[in-house]
Amino acid sequence: MPRIHVCEFCGKEIEPGTGLMYVKLDGSIHWYCSSKCFKNAVKLRRDPRKLKWTKHYTPLRK
């Protein structure tokens, strides 16, 4: 039975056969649902808590 993974950046569920698997040099595996999430996480190093379109978003309290 194929596993359903969760995107490391946005928190969205990834259908079997789709998405990107990124393996770091230390052996840890990260799953991303799209190239948009991959670029924001790995290349641009953005914090998912600061982007409104992610499930990890937490609005700033004033």
C-alpha atoms as a PDB file:
ATOM      1  CA  MET A   1       0.000   0.000   0.000  1.00  0.00           C
ATOM      2  CA  PRO A   2       1.481   3.386  -0.990  1.00  0.00           C
ATOM      3  CA  ARG A   3       2.053   5.874   1.808  1.00  0.00           C
ATOM      4  CA  ILE A   4       0.605   9.362   1.838  1.00  0.00           C
ATOM      5  CA  HIS A   5       3.292  11.829   2.862  1.00  0.00           C
ATOM      6  CA  VAL A   6       2.927  15.357   4.209  1.00  0.00           C
ATOM      7  CA  CYS A   7       4.762  18.315   2.677  1.00  0.00           C
ATOM      8  CA  GLU A   8       7.545  19.553   4.969  1.00  0.00           C
ATOM      9  CA  PHE A   9       6.898  23.178   4.033  1.00  0.00           C
ATOM     10  CA  CYS A  10       3.173  23.794   3.584  1.00  0.00           C
ATOM     11  CA  GLY A  11       1.702  20.795   5.447  1.00  0.00           C
ATOM     12  CA  LYS A  12      -0.423  19.588   2.526  1.00  0.00           C
ATOM     13  CA  GLU A  13      -0.899  15.844   1.932  1.00  0.00           C
ATOM     14  CA  ILE A  14       0.992  14.453  -1.069  1.00  0.00           C
ATOM     15  CA  GLU A  15      -0.670  11.891  -3.333  1.00  0.00           C
ATOM     16  CA  PRO A  16       1.338   8.713  -4.107  1.00  0.00           C
ATOM     17  CA  GLY A  17       3.390   9.146  -7.277  1.00  0.00           C
ATOM     18  CA  THR A  18       3.605  12.940  -7.001  1.00  0.00           C
ATOM     19  CA  GLY A  19       5.798  15.422  -5.182  1.00  0.00           C
ATOM     20  CA  LEU A  20       9.537  15.691  -4.600  1.00  0.00           C
ATOM     21  CA  MET A  21      11.679  13.639  -2.240  1.00  0.00           C
ATOM     22  CA  TYR A  22      14.773  15.525  -1.046  1.00  0.00           C
ATOM     23  CA  VAL A  23      17.504  13.522   0.715  1.00  0.00           C
ATOM     24  CA  LYS A  24      20.046  15.536   2.695  1.00  0.00           C
ATOM     25  CA  LEU A  25      23.666  14.486   3.206  1.00  0.00           C
ATOM     26  CA  ASP A  26      22.927  13.397   6.770  1.00  0.00           C
ATOM     27  CA  GLY A  27      20.363  10.874   5.465  1.00  0.00           C
ATOM     28  CA  SER A  28      17.189  12.713   6.476  1.00  0.00           C
ATOM     29  CA  ILE A  29      14.348  12.632   3.944  1.00  0.00           C
ATOM     30  CA  HIS A  30      12.079  15.610   3.277  1.00  0.00           C
ATOM     31  CA  TRP A  31       8.961  15.482   1.096  1.00  0.00           C
ATOM     32  CA  TYR A  32       7.671  18.508  -0.841  1.00  0.00           C
ATOM     33  CA  CYS A  33       4.377  18.698  -2.732  1.00  0.00           C
ATOM     34  CA  SER A  34       5.621  21.039  -5.478  1.00  0.00           C
ATOM     35  CA  SER A  35       8.631  22.919  -6.775  1.00  0.00           C
ATOM     36  CA  LYS A  36       7.131  26.041  -5.165  1.00  0.00           C
ATOM     37  CA  CYS A  37       7.497  24.511  -1.689  1.00  0.00           C
ATOM     38  CA  PHE A  38      10.921  23.064  -2.508  1.00  0.00           C
ATOM     39  CA  LYS A  39      12.300  26.405  -3.684  1.00  0.00           C
ATOM     40  CA  ASN A  40      10.878  28.305  -0.710  1.00  0.00           C
ATOM     41  CA  ALA A  41      12.304  25.793   1.783  1.00  0.00           C
ATOM     42  CA  VAL A  42      15.668  24.767   0.348  1.00  0.00           C
ATOM     43  CA  LYS A  43      16.827  27.516  -1.988  1.00  0.00           C
ATOM     44  CA  LEU A  44      15.235  30.621  -0.420  1.00  0.00           C
ATOM     45  CA  ARG A  45      15.202  29.269   3.182  1.00  0.00           C
ATOM     46  CA  ARG A  46      11.890  30.908   4.028  1.00  0.00           C
ATOM     47  CA  ASP A  47      10.020  30.306   7.267  1.00  0.00           C
ATOM     48  CA  PRO A  48       6.645  28.608   6.616  1.00  0.00           C
ATOM     49  CA  ARG A  49       5.187  30.264   9.729  1.00  0.00           C
ATOM     50  CA  LYS A  50       5.401  33.657   8.002  1.00  0.00           C
ATOM     51  CA  LEU A  51       3.589  32.719   4.762  1.00  0.00           C
ATOM     52  CA  LYS A  52      -0.224  32.854   4.737  1.00  0.00           C
ATOM     53  CA  TRP A  53      -0.695  30.011   2.224  1.00  0.00           C
ATOM     54  CA  THR A  54       0.894  27.363   4.492  1.00  0.00           C
ATOM     55  CA  LYS A  55      -0.823  25.395   7.258  1.00  0.00           C
ATOM     56  CA  HIS A  56       2.002  26.352   9.638  1.00  0.00           C
ATOM     57  CA  TYR A  57       1.141  30.065   9.377  1.00  0.00           C
ATOM     58  CA  THR A  58       0.848  31.893  12.692  1.00  0.00           C
ATOM     59  CA  PRO A  59      -0.299  35.524  12.488  1.00  0.00           C
ATOM     60  CA  LEU A  60       1.745  38.061  14.405  1.00  0.00           C
ATOM     61  CA  ARG A  61       0.069  39.358  17.522  1.00  0.00           C
ATOM     62  CA  LYS A  62       0.370  43.035  18.379  1.00  0.00           C
END
